[in-house]
């Protein structure tokens, strides 16, 4: 297990300001990196793809809360494929 690293640890200082985070996320469209090992497990892959689909810069392209809830319910039941 790797040691803890903050989501934007290498892109911002240890205690980033709201302004620097706003610039990173809104202006530069920065998103935290998802470790490749997380996507190797089928259930975690569905979870990671759900996260990245919620991060879309275009609000119309983001998943709805209902869709996120359905995917999480599917994962909770132990099914691998998330509903589309």
Protein backbone atom coordinates (compact mmCIF):
# COMPACT_ATOMS: atom_id res chain seq x y z
CA UNK A 1 0.00 0.00 0.00
CA UNK A 2 1.37 3.38 -0.97
CA UNK A 3 1.58 6.12 1.62
CA UNK A 4 -1.10 8.81 1.67
CA UNK A 5 -0.84 11.56 -0.92
CA UNK A 6 -3.26 14.50 -1.15
CA UNK A 7 -5.42 14.56 -4.30
CA UNK A 8 -3.53 17.45 -5.92
CA UNK A 9 -0.37 17.08 -3.84
CA UNK A 10 2.12 17.69 -6.62
CA UNK A 11 0.13 20.54 -8.21
CA UNK A 12 -0.50 22.74 -5.15
CA UNK A 13 1.24 23.62 -1.90
CA UNK A 14 0.51 21.77 1.34
CA UNK A 15 -2.22 24.22 2.44
CA UNK A 16 -3.70 25.50 -0.86
CA UNK A 17 -5.89 28.58 -0.86
CA UNK A 18 -9.42 28.59 -2.21
CA UNK A 19 -8.22 30.78 -5.07
CA UNK A 20 -5.47 28.35 -6.11
CA UNK A 21 -7.88 25.39 -5.97
CA UNK A 22 -10.50 27.34 -7.95
CA UNK A 23 -7.89 28.10 -10.62
CA UNK A 24 -6.71 24.49 -10.73
CA UNK A 25 -10.17 22.90 -10.92
CA UNK A 26 -12.24 25.50 -12.79
CA UNK A 27 -9.80 27.34 -15.04
CA UNK A 28 -7.31 24.54 -15.70
CA UNK A 29 -9.90 21.73 -15.41
CA UNK A 30 -7.61 19.73 -13.14
CA UNK A 31 -8.85 16.50 -11.64
CA UNK A 32 -7.16 14.14 -9.15
CA UNK A 33 -5.34 11.19 -10.66
CA UNK A 34 -6.92 7.79 -10.16
CA UNK A 35 -4.25 5.14 -9.55
CA UNK A 36 -4.16 2.58 -12.38
CA UNK A 37 -4.36 -0.25 -9.86
CA UNK A 38 -7.86 0.91 -8.89
CA UNK A 39 -9.19 0.29 -12.39
CA UNK A 40 -7.85 -3.27 -12.53
CA UNK A 41 -10.64 -4.52 -10.26
CA UNK A 42 -14.00 -4.68 -12.06
CA UNK A 43 -16.03 -3.18 -9.22
CA UNK A 44 -13.52 -0.40 -8.60
CA UNK A 45 -13.38 0.27 -12.33
CA UNK A 46 -17.15 0.95 -12.32
CA UNK A 47 -16.71 3.16 -9.26
CA UNK A 48 -13.81 5.09 -10.87
CA UNK A 49 -15.64 5.58 -14.16
CA UNK A 50 -18.65 6.87 -12.21
CA UNK A 51 -16.40 9.39 -10.47
CA UNK A 52 -14.82 10.59 -13.71
CA UNK A 53 -18.23 10.92 -15.38
CA UNK A 54 -19.32 13.16 -12.49
CA UNK A 55 -16.25 15.38 -13.07
CA UNK A 56 -17.13 16.33 -16.64
CA UNK A 57 -16.67 20.06 -17.17
CA UNK A 58 -19.92 20.20 -19.16
CA UNK A 59 -22.83 20.04 -16.68
CA UNK A 60 -25.08 18.40 -19.28
CA UNK A 61 -22.61 15.53 -19.70
CA UNK A 62 -22.37 14.75 -15.97
CA UNK A 63 -24.25 11.82 -14.47
CA UNK A 64 -27.46 12.54 -12.64
CA UNK A 65 -27.76 11.78 -8.94
CA UNK A 66 -30.27 9.07 -9.85
CA UNK A 67 -27.78 7.38 -12.18
CA UNK A 68 -25.01 7.55 -9.57
CA UNK A 69 -27.38 6.03 -7.01
CA UNK A 70 -28.28 3.20 -9.39
CA UNK A 71 -24.62 2.40 -10.04
CA UNK A 72 -23.80 2.38 -6.33
CA UNK A 73 -26.78 0.10 -5.65
CA UNK A 74 -25.57 -2.30 -8.33
CA UNK A 75 -22.09 -2.32 -6.77
CA UNK A 76 -23.58 -2.86 -3.30
CA UNK A 77 -25.53 -5.89 -4.55
CA UNK A 78 -22.28 -7.32 -5.90
CA UNK A 79 -23.11 -7.05 -9.58
CA UNK A 80 -20.26 -5.96 -11.81
CA UNK A 81 -21.95 -4.14 -14.68
CA UNK A 82 -23.43 -0.76 -13.82
CA UNK A 83 -26.71 0.30 -15.45
CA UNK A 84 -26.37 2.65 -18.39
